[in-house]
N, C-alpha and C. Protein backbone atom coordinates (compact mmCIF):
# COMPACT_ATOMS: atom_id res chain seq x y z
N MET A 1 2.88 -9.93 33.74
CA MET A 1 2.40 -10.74 32.66
C MET A 1 1.89 -9.95 31.45
N PRO A 2 1.41 -8.70 31.58
CA PRO A 2 0.92 -7.99 30.40
C PRO A 2 1.97 -7.87 29.30
N GLY A 3 3.23 -7.71 29.67
CA GLY A 3 4.29 -7.62 28.68
C GLY A 3 4.39 -8.91 27.86
N PHE A 4 4.15 -10.05 28.52
CA PHE A 4 4.18 -11.33 27.83
C PHE A 4 3.12 -11.39 26.75
N PHE A 5 1.91 -10.89 27.06
CA PHE A 5 0.82 -10.93 26.09
C PHE A 5 1.11 -10.02 24.91
N CYS A 6 1.74 -8.87 25.17
CA CYS A 6 2.13 -7.98 24.07
C CYS A 6 3.19 -8.65 23.20
N LEU A 7 4.14 -9.32 23.83
CA LEU A 7 5.18 -10.03 23.09
C LEU A 7 4.58 -11.18 22.28
N GLN A 8 3.65 -11.90 22.87
CA GLN A 8 2.99 -13.00 22.18
C GLN A 8 2.20 -12.48 20.98
N THR A 9 1.49 -11.38 21.14
CA THR A 9 0.72 -10.80 20.04
C THR A 9 1.66 -10.34 18.94
N ALA A 10 2.78 -9.74 19.30
CA ALA A 10 3.76 -9.30 18.29
C ALA A 10 4.32 -10.49 17.53
N ALA A 11 4.58 -11.59 18.22
CA ALA A 11 5.09 -12.79 17.55
C ALA A 11 4.06 -13.34 16.57
N GLU A 12 2.79 -13.28 16.96
CA GLU A 12 1.72 -13.73 16.06
C GLU A 12 1.67 -12.86 14.81
N VAL A 13 1.82 -11.55 14.99
CA VAL A 13 1.77 -10.62 13.86
C VAL A 13 2.92 -10.87 12.90
N VAL A 14 4.07 -11.29 13.40
CA VAL A 14 5.23 -11.58 12.54
C VAL A 14 5.07 -12.94 11.85
N ALA A 15 4.60 -13.95 12.57
CA ALA A 15 4.49 -15.30 12.02
C ALA A 15 3.35 -15.43 11.02
N ALA A 16 2.25 -14.76 11.28
CA ALA A 16 1.07 -14.93 10.43
C ALA A 16 1.30 -14.51 8.98
N PRO A 17 1.93 -13.35 8.69
CA PRO A 17 2.17 -13.02 7.28
C PRO A 17 3.07 -14.02 6.56
N ALA A 18 4.01 -14.61 7.29
CA ALA A 18 4.87 -15.63 6.68
C ALA A 18 4.03 -16.85 6.30
N GLN A 19 3.12 -17.25 7.18
CA GLN A 19 2.24 -18.37 6.87
C GLN A 19 1.33 -18.03 5.69
N MET A 20 0.80 -16.81 5.68
CA MET A 20 -0.06 -16.39 4.56
C MET A 20 0.72 -16.42 3.25
N ALA A 21 1.96 -15.96 3.27
CA ALA A 21 2.77 -15.95 2.06
C ALA A 21 2.98 -17.37 1.53
N ILE A 22 3.21 -18.30 2.43
CA ILE A 22 3.39 -19.70 2.02
C ILE A 22 2.11 -20.22 1.36
N LEU A 23 0.97 -19.93 1.97
CA LEU A 23 -0.30 -20.39 1.41
C LEU A 23 -0.59 -19.74 0.05
N ILE A 24 -0.26 -18.46 -0.08
CA ILE A 24 -0.50 -17.75 -1.34
C ILE A 24 0.40 -18.31 -2.44
N VAL A 25 1.67 -18.53 -2.13
CA VAL A 25 2.59 -19.09 -3.12
C VAL A 25 2.16 -20.50 -3.51
N PHE A 26 1.74 -21.29 -2.53
CA PHE A 26 1.27 -22.64 -2.83
C PHE A 26 0.04 -22.60 -3.72
N GLY A 27 -0.92 -21.75 -3.39
CA GLY A 27 -2.14 -21.64 -4.19
C GLY A 27 -1.85 -21.19 -5.61
N ALA A 28 -0.89 -20.28 -5.76
CA ALA A 28 -0.54 -19.78 -7.09
C ALA A 28 0.17 -20.84 -7.91
N THR A 29 1.08 -21.59 -7.28
CA THR A 29 1.86 -22.57 -8.05
C THR A 29 1.11 -23.88 -8.23
N ALA A 30 0.45 -24.38 -7.21
CA ALA A 30 -0.22 -25.68 -7.30
C ALA A 30 -1.55 -25.61 -8.04
N PHE A 31 -2.28 -24.51 -7.84
CA PHE A 31 -3.62 -24.42 -8.41
C PHE A 31 -3.76 -23.31 -9.46
N GLY A 32 -2.70 -22.56 -9.68
CA GLY A 32 -2.76 -21.48 -10.67
C GLY A 32 -3.69 -20.34 -10.29
N LEU A 33 -3.87 -20.11 -9.00
CA LEU A 33 -4.75 -19.02 -8.56
C LEU A 33 -4.12 -17.67 -8.89
N PRO A 34 -4.91 -16.74 -9.40
CA PRO A 34 -4.37 -15.44 -9.81
C PRO A 34 -4.22 -14.47 -8.63
N TRP A 35 -3.43 -14.87 -7.65
CA TRP A 35 -3.27 -14.04 -6.45
C TRP A 35 -2.72 -12.66 -6.78
N LEU A 36 -1.93 -12.54 -7.79
CA LEU A 36 -1.29 -11.25 -8.07
C LEU A 36 -2.07 -10.37 -9.04
N SER A 37 -3.35 -10.68 -9.24
CA SER A 37 -4.15 -9.81 -10.10
C SER A 37 -4.38 -8.45 -9.42
N HIS A 38 -4.36 -8.43 -8.09
CA HIS A 38 -4.48 -7.19 -7.30
C HIS A 38 -3.48 -7.27 -6.15
N PRO A 39 -2.17 -7.10 -6.40
CA PRO A 39 -1.16 -7.35 -5.37
C PRO A 39 -1.25 -6.42 -4.16
N LEU A 40 -1.53 -5.15 -4.37
CA LEU A 40 -1.61 -4.22 -3.24
C LEU A 40 -2.79 -4.56 -2.34
N GLU A 41 -3.90 -4.85 -2.96
CA GLU A 41 -5.09 -5.23 -2.18
C GLU A 41 -4.83 -6.53 -1.41
N LEU A 42 -4.15 -7.47 -2.06
CA LEU A 42 -3.81 -8.73 -1.40
C LEU A 42 -2.94 -8.49 -0.17
N ALA A 43 -1.94 -7.64 -0.31
CA ALA A 43 -1.03 -7.36 0.80
C ALA A 43 -1.76 -6.68 1.96
N ILE A 44 -2.58 -5.69 1.65
CA ILE A 44 -3.30 -4.96 2.70
C ILE A 44 -4.31 -5.87 3.38
N LEU A 45 -5.07 -6.63 2.60
CA LEU A 45 -6.07 -7.53 3.16
C LEU A 45 -5.40 -8.61 4.02
N SER A 46 -4.29 -9.16 3.54
CA SER A 46 -3.58 -10.19 4.31
C SER A 46 -3.08 -9.64 5.63
N LEU A 47 -2.52 -8.44 5.60
CA LEU A 47 -2.04 -7.83 6.83
C LEU A 47 -3.18 -7.56 7.81
N ALA A 48 -4.30 -7.05 7.31
CA ALA A 48 -5.45 -6.79 8.18
C ALA A 48 -5.98 -8.10 8.78
N PHE A 49 -6.00 -9.15 7.98
CA PHE A 49 -6.46 -10.46 8.47
C PHE A 49 -5.52 -10.98 9.55
N CYS A 50 -4.23 -10.84 9.34
CA CYS A 50 -3.24 -11.28 10.33
C CYS A 50 -3.36 -10.47 11.62
N LEU A 51 -3.59 -9.18 11.50
CA LEU A 51 -3.76 -8.33 12.69
C LEU A 51 -5.00 -8.74 13.48
N ALA A 52 -6.08 -9.04 12.76
CA ALA A 52 -7.31 -9.46 13.44
C ALA A 52 -7.09 -10.78 14.19
N GLY A 53 -6.41 -11.72 13.54
CA GLY A 53 -6.12 -12.99 14.20
C GLY A 53 -5.21 -12.83 15.40
N ALA A 54 -4.21 -11.99 15.27
CA ALA A 54 -3.28 -11.75 16.37
C ALA A 54 -3.98 -11.06 17.54
N ALA A 55 -4.89 -10.15 17.23
CA ALA A 55 -5.64 -9.47 18.29
C ALA A 55 -6.50 -10.46 19.06
N LEU A 56 -7.17 -11.35 18.33
CA LEU A 56 -7.96 -12.38 19.01
C LEU A 56 -7.07 -13.30 19.83
N GLY A 57 -5.90 -13.65 19.30
CA GLY A 57 -4.97 -14.49 20.05
C GLY A 57 -4.52 -13.82 21.34
N GLY A 58 -4.27 -12.52 21.28
CA GLY A 58 -3.89 -11.79 22.49
C GLY A 58 -5.01 -11.77 23.52
N LEU A 59 -6.25 -11.60 23.05
CA LEU A 59 -7.40 -11.61 23.96
C LEU A 59 -7.56 -12.99 24.60
N PHE A 60 -7.44 -14.05 23.80
CA PHE A 60 -7.57 -15.40 24.35
C PHE A 60 -6.45 -15.68 25.34
N GLY A 61 -5.26 -15.20 25.04
CA GLY A 61 -4.14 -15.38 25.95
C GLY A 61 -4.37 -14.70 27.28
N LEU A 62 -5.04 -13.57 27.24
CA LEU A 62 -5.33 -12.83 28.47
C LEU A 62 -6.45 -13.49 29.27
N LEU A 63 -7.44 -14.02 28.58
CA LEU A 63 -8.60 -14.58 29.26
C LEU A 63 -8.35 -15.98 29.83
N CYS A 64 -7.42 -16.71 29.27
CA CYS A 64 -7.19 -18.09 29.69
C CYS A 64 -6.06 -18.17 30.71
N ARG A 65 -6.13 -19.21 31.54
CA ARG A 65 -5.11 -19.38 32.57
C ARG A 65 -3.88 -20.11 32.06
N THR A 66 -4.05 -20.97 31.08
CA THR A 66 -2.90 -21.72 30.57
C THR A 66 -2.82 -21.58 29.05
N GLU A 67 -1.65 -21.89 28.52
CA GLU A 67 -1.45 -21.85 27.08
C GLU A 67 -2.34 -22.89 26.39
N ARG A 68 -2.53 -24.02 27.02
CA ARG A 68 -3.38 -25.07 26.44
C ARG A 68 -4.83 -24.61 26.34
N GLN A 69 -5.32 -23.93 27.38
CA GLN A 69 -6.68 -23.40 27.32
C GLN A 69 -6.82 -22.39 26.19
N ALA A 70 -5.84 -21.51 26.07
CA ALA A 70 -5.88 -20.50 25.01
C ALA A 70 -5.87 -21.14 23.64
N GLY A 71 -5.04 -22.16 23.46
CA GLY A 71 -4.99 -22.86 22.18
C GLY A 71 -6.30 -23.55 21.85
N SER A 72 -6.90 -24.19 22.84
CA SER A 72 -8.18 -24.88 22.63
C SER A 72 -9.28 -23.88 22.30
N LEU A 73 -9.33 -22.78 23.05
CA LEU A 73 -10.34 -21.76 22.79
C LEU A 73 -10.14 -21.14 21.41
N ALA A 74 -8.91 -20.85 21.06
CA ALA A 74 -8.63 -20.26 19.75
C ALA A 74 -9.05 -21.19 18.63
N LEU A 75 -8.76 -22.48 18.78
CA LEU A 75 -9.15 -23.45 17.75
C LEU A 75 -10.66 -23.53 17.61
N ALA A 76 -11.36 -23.62 18.73
CA ALA A 76 -12.82 -23.71 18.69
C ALA A 76 -13.44 -22.46 18.07
N VAL A 77 -13.01 -21.30 18.52
CA VAL A 77 -13.57 -20.05 18.00
C VAL A 77 -13.24 -19.87 16.53
N SER A 78 -12.01 -20.20 16.13
CA SER A 78 -11.65 -20.04 14.73
C SER A 78 -12.45 -20.97 13.83
N MET A 79 -12.73 -22.18 14.29
CA MET A 79 -13.55 -23.09 13.48
C MET A 79 -14.98 -22.59 13.35
N VAL A 80 -15.55 -22.10 14.44
CA VAL A 80 -16.92 -21.56 14.38
C VAL A 80 -16.97 -20.34 13.47
N LEU A 81 -16.00 -19.43 13.63
CA LEU A 81 -15.97 -18.24 12.78
C LEU A 81 -15.77 -18.62 11.30
N ALA A 82 -14.95 -19.64 11.04
CA ALA A 82 -14.73 -20.08 9.66
C ALA A 82 -16.01 -20.64 9.05
N ILE A 83 -16.74 -21.43 9.82
CA ILE A 83 -18.00 -21.98 9.31
C ILE A 83 -19.00 -20.86 9.05
N LEU A 84 -19.19 -19.99 10.05
CA LEU A 84 -20.17 -18.91 9.91
C LEU A 84 -19.77 -17.88 8.87
N GLY A 85 -18.47 -17.73 8.63
CA GLY A 85 -17.99 -16.75 7.67
C GLY A 85 -17.98 -17.24 6.24
N GLY A 86 -18.33 -18.49 6.02
CA GLY A 86 -18.38 -19.00 4.66
C GLY A 86 -17.06 -19.56 4.16
N CYS A 87 -16.15 -19.89 5.07
CA CYS A 87 -14.85 -20.44 4.66
C CYS A 87 -14.93 -21.92 4.35
N TRP A 88 -15.87 -22.63 4.95
CA TRP A 88 -16.00 -24.06 4.68
C TRP A 88 -16.99 -24.32 3.55
N TYR A 89 -18.06 -23.55 3.56
CA TYR A 89 -19.10 -23.66 2.55
C TYR A 89 -19.39 -22.25 2.05
N PRO A 90 -19.75 -22.08 0.79
CA PRO A 90 -20.03 -20.73 0.30
C PRO A 90 -21.21 -20.11 1.07
N ALA A 91 -21.04 -18.89 1.50
CA ALA A 91 -22.10 -18.21 2.24
C ALA A 91 -23.35 -18.02 1.38
N SER A 92 -23.20 -18.08 0.07
CA SER A 92 -24.35 -17.90 -0.82
C SER A 92 -25.38 -19.01 -0.67
N ILE A 93 -24.99 -20.18 -0.15
CA ILE A 93 -25.95 -21.28 0.02
C ILE A 93 -26.57 -21.28 1.42
N PHE A 94 -26.15 -20.36 2.29
CA PHE A 94 -26.68 -20.30 3.65
C PHE A 94 -28.13 -19.80 3.62
N PRO A 95 -28.91 -20.20 4.63
CA PRO A 95 -30.22 -19.56 4.82
C PRO A 95 -30.01 -18.08 5.13
N SER A 96 -31.04 -17.28 4.95
CA SER A 96 -30.89 -15.82 5.09
C SER A 96 -30.38 -15.41 6.48
N ALA A 97 -30.79 -16.10 7.55
CA ALA A 97 -30.30 -15.75 8.89
C ALA A 97 -28.80 -15.99 8.99
N MET A 98 -28.32 -17.07 8.39
CA MET A 98 -26.88 -17.36 8.43
C MET A 98 -26.10 -16.39 7.54
N LYS A 99 -26.69 -15.95 6.45
CA LYS A 99 -26.04 -14.96 5.60
C LYS A 99 -25.83 -13.67 6.38
N ALA A 100 -26.81 -13.31 7.20
CA ALA A 100 -26.68 -12.10 8.02
C ALA A 100 -25.52 -12.24 9.00
N VAL A 101 -25.35 -13.43 9.59
CA VAL A 101 -24.25 -13.67 10.52
C VAL A 101 -22.91 -13.58 9.78
N SER A 102 -22.85 -14.12 8.57
CA SER A 102 -21.57 -14.10 7.84
C SER A 102 -21.15 -12.68 7.49
N ARG A 103 -22.10 -11.75 7.44
CA ARG A 103 -21.76 -10.35 7.14
C ARG A 103 -21.12 -9.63 8.32
N ILE A 104 -21.27 -10.18 9.53
CA ILE A 104 -20.66 -9.54 10.71
C ILE A 104 -19.52 -10.38 11.29
N ASP A 105 -19.09 -11.37 10.56
CA ASP A 105 -18.04 -12.28 11.00
C ASP A 105 -16.71 -11.87 10.36
N PRO A 106 -15.65 -11.68 11.15
CA PRO A 106 -14.36 -11.32 10.57
C PRO A 106 -13.86 -12.33 9.54
N ALA A 107 -14.15 -13.62 9.74
CA ALA A 107 -13.75 -14.62 8.75
C ALA A 107 -14.53 -14.41 7.46
N GLY A 108 -15.76 -13.98 7.58
CA GLY A 108 -16.56 -13.67 6.39
C GLY A 108 -16.02 -12.48 5.63
N TRP A 109 -15.56 -11.47 6.37
CA TRP A 109 -14.96 -10.29 5.71
C TRP A 109 -13.70 -10.72 4.97
N ALA A 110 -12.89 -11.55 5.63
CA ALA A 110 -11.65 -12.01 4.99
C ALA A 110 -11.96 -12.84 3.76
N MET A 111 -12.90 -13.77 3.89
CA MET A 111 -13.25 -14.64 2.77
C MET A 111 -13.77 -13.82 1.59
N ASP A 112 -14.65 -12.88 1.87
CA ASP A 112 -15.19 -12.03 0.82
C ASP A 112 -14.07 -11.21 0.16
N GLY A 113 -13.17 -10.69 0.98
CA GLY A 113 -12.06 -9.90 0.45
C GLY A 113 -11.11 -10.73 -0.40
N PHE A 114 -10.77 -11.93 0.07
CA PHE A 114 -9.86 -12.78 -0.71
C PHE A 114 -10.50 -13.23 -2.02
N LEU A 115 -11.80 -13.52 -1.99
CA LEU A 115 -12.48 -13.87 -3.24
C LEU A 115 -12.48 -12.69 -4.20
N SER A 116 -12.62 -11.49 -3.65
CA SER A 116 -12.57 -10.29 -4.48
C SER A 116 -11.19 -10.09 -5.09
N VAL A 117 -10.16 -10.35 -4.31
CA VAL A 117 -8.78 -10.22 -4.80
C VAL A 117 -8.51 -11.24 -5.92
N LEU A 118 -9.09 -12.43 -5.78
CA LEU A 118 -8.87 -13.47 -6.78
C LEU A 118 -9.61 -13.21 -8.09
N SER A 119 -10.61 -12.35 -8.04
CA SER A 119 -11.39 -12.07 -9.24
C SER A 119 -10.65 -11.05 -10.11
N PRO A 120 -10.25 -11.43 -11.31
CA PRO A 120 -9.51 -10.49 -12.16
C PRO A 120 -10.36 -9.30 -12.62
N THR A 121 -11.68 -9.44 -12.59
CA THR A 121 -12.55 -8.35 -13.03
C THR A 121 -13.00 -7.46 -11.90
N SER A 122 -12.76 -7.88 -10.67
CA SER A 122 -13.23 -7.12 -9.52
C SER A 122 -12.35 -5.90 -9.27
N GLY A 123 -12.99 -4.82 -8.82
CA GLY A 123 -12.24 -3.63 -8.44
C GLY A 123 -11.71 -3.77 -7.03
N SER A 124 -10.93 -2.82 -6.61
CA SER A 124 -10.29 -2.91 -5.30
C SER A 124 -11.19 -2.46 -4.16
N GLY A 125 -12.30 -1.82 -4.46
CA GLY A 125 -13.15 -1.27 -3.40
C GLY A 125 -13.64 -2.29 -2.42
N ARG A 126 -14.11 -3.42 -2.90
CA ARG A 126 -14.66 -4.42 -2.00
C ARG A 126 -13.59 -5.01 -1.09
N ALA A 127 -12.44 -5.34 -1.64
CA ALA A 127 -11.36 -5.90 -0.83
C ALA A 127 -10.88 -4.89 0.20
N MET A 128 -10.81 -3.63 -0.18
CA MET A 128 -10.34 -2.61 0.75
C MET A 128 -11.36 -2.35 1.85
N GLY A 129 -12.63 -2.46 1.52
CA GLY A 129 -13.66 -2.33 2.55
C GLY A 129 -13.57 -3.45 3.57
N ASN A 130 -13.31 -4.65 3.08
CA ASN A 130 -13.14 -5.79 3.99
C ASN A 130 -11.87 -5.64 4.83
N ALA A 131 -10.81 -5.13 4.22
CA ALA A 131 -9.57 -4.91 4.97
C ALA A 131 -9.79 -3.86 6.06
N ALA A 132 -10.55 -2.82 5.75
CA ALA A 132 -10.85 -1.79 6.75
C ALA A 132 -11.68 -2.38 7.89
N SER A 133 -12.65 -3.23 7.56
CA SER A 133 -13.46 -3.88 8.60
C SER A 133 -12.59 -4.76 9.50
N LEU A 134 -11.68 -5.50 8.89
CA LEU A 134 -10.77 -6.35 9.68
C LEU A 134 -9.85 -5.52 10.56
N ALA A 135 -9.34 -4.41 10.03
CA ALA A 135 -8.46 -3.54 10.82
C ALA A 135 -9.23 -2.92 11.99
N PHE A 136 -10.46 -2.49 11.74
CA PHE A 136 -11.28 -1.93 12.82
C PHE A 136 -11.56 -3.00 13.87
N PHE A 137 -11.85 -4.21 13.44
CA PHE A 137 -12.07 -5.32 14.36
C PHE A 137 -10.83 -5.56 15.21
N ALA A 138 -9.66 -5.59 14.57
CA ALA A 138 -8.41 -5.81 15.30
C ALA A 138 -8.19 -4.72 16.34
N LEU A 139 -8.38 -3.47 15.95
CA LEU A 139 -8.20 -2.37 16.91
C LEU A 139 -9.21 -2.46 18.06
N SER A 140 -10.44 -2.84 17.76
CA SER A 140 -11.46 -2.98 18.80
C SER A 140 -11.09 -4.09 19.78
N VAL A 141 -10.64 -5.22 19.26
CA VAL A 141 -10.26 -6.34 20.13
C VAL A 141 -9.03 -5.98 20.96
N LEU A 142 -8.06 -5.29 20.35
CA LEU A 142 -6.88 -4.86 21.11
C LEU A 142 -7.25 -3.87 22.21
N LEU A 143 -8.18 -2.98 21.92
CA LEU A 143 -8.66 -2.04 22.94
C LEU A 143 -9.35 -2.78 24.07
N LEU A 144 -10.21 -3.74 23.73
CA LEU A 144 -10.87 -4.55 24.74
C LEU A 144 -9.85 -5.31 25.58
N THR A 145 -8.84 -5.86 24.95
CA THR A 145 -7.78 -6.59 25.66
C THR A 145 -7.05 -5.66 26.63
N ALA A 146 -6.75 -4.45 26.18
CA ALA A 146 -6.06 -3.49 27.04
C ALA A 146 -6.92 -3.10 28.23
N ILE A 147 -8.22 -2.92 28.01
CA ILE A 147 -9.13 -2.55 29.10
C ILE A 147 -9.21 -3.67 30.13
N ILE A 148 -9.36 -4.90 29.65
CA ILE A 148 -9.43 -6.04 30.57
C ILE A 148 -8.12 -6.19 31.33
N SER A 149 -7.00 -6.04 30.64
CA SER A 149 -5.70 -6.16 31.28
C SER A 149 -5.52 -5.09 32.35
N ARG A 150 -5.90 -3.88 32.06
CA ARG A 150 -5.78 -2.78 33.02
C ARG A 150 -6.68 -3.03 34.23
N ALA A 151 -7.89 -3.52 33.98
CA ALA A 151 -8.82 -3.81 35.09
C ALA A 151 -8.26 -4.91 35.97
N ARG A 152 -7.68 -5.92 35.39
CA ARG A 152 -7.09 -7.01 36.17
C ARG A 152 -5.90 -6.50 37.00
N ARG A 153 -5.07 -5.64 36.42
CA ARG A 153 -3.94 -5.10 37.17
C ARG A 153 -4.42 -4.26 38.33
N ALA A 154 -5.50 -3.51 38.11
CA ALA A 154 -6.02 -2.66 39.18
C ALA A 154 -6.55 -3.50 40.35
N THR A 155 -7.20 -4.64 40.04
CA THR A 155 -7.70 -5.48 41.11
C THR A 155 -6.60 -6.22 41.84
N LEU A 156 -5.48 -6.47 41.16
CA LEU A 156 -4.35 -7.16 41.79
C LEU A 156 -3.53 -6.22 42.65
N ALA A 157 -3.60 -4.94 42.36
CA ALA A 157 -2.76 -3.98 43.09
C ALA A 157 -3.32 -3.62 44.45
């Protein structure tokens, strides 16, 4: 089964950038969002965000017994992370304790990075810092997934 989870994670990594591209094109055409004011930063941040999501998907796939459980867990966790990260409401209106949580939330890093990319006056440093945080998060989750997978194989053997 570990090969299945690697294949599933790879499929997520391929599908997610396509979905991001659709959303970016829609936002640019329907709402006139200046997505291309920092195209390199947008591409790097989007890829890091997709990797982080795929890593979490792989972990959920490993921890759950069925695809339905994994889907339900992923939906619940993504909604909580989106709320805490400031994706539903601006983090600037949160109480100070919630602002602290949004600073350690991968959705918060992504939201902050995407807002930075959309700002025509913003430099690339902030978006790249958020992309680096997302990439580190993705690598950490993938490492955790590999450790859990190896431990499970050892107990089954």
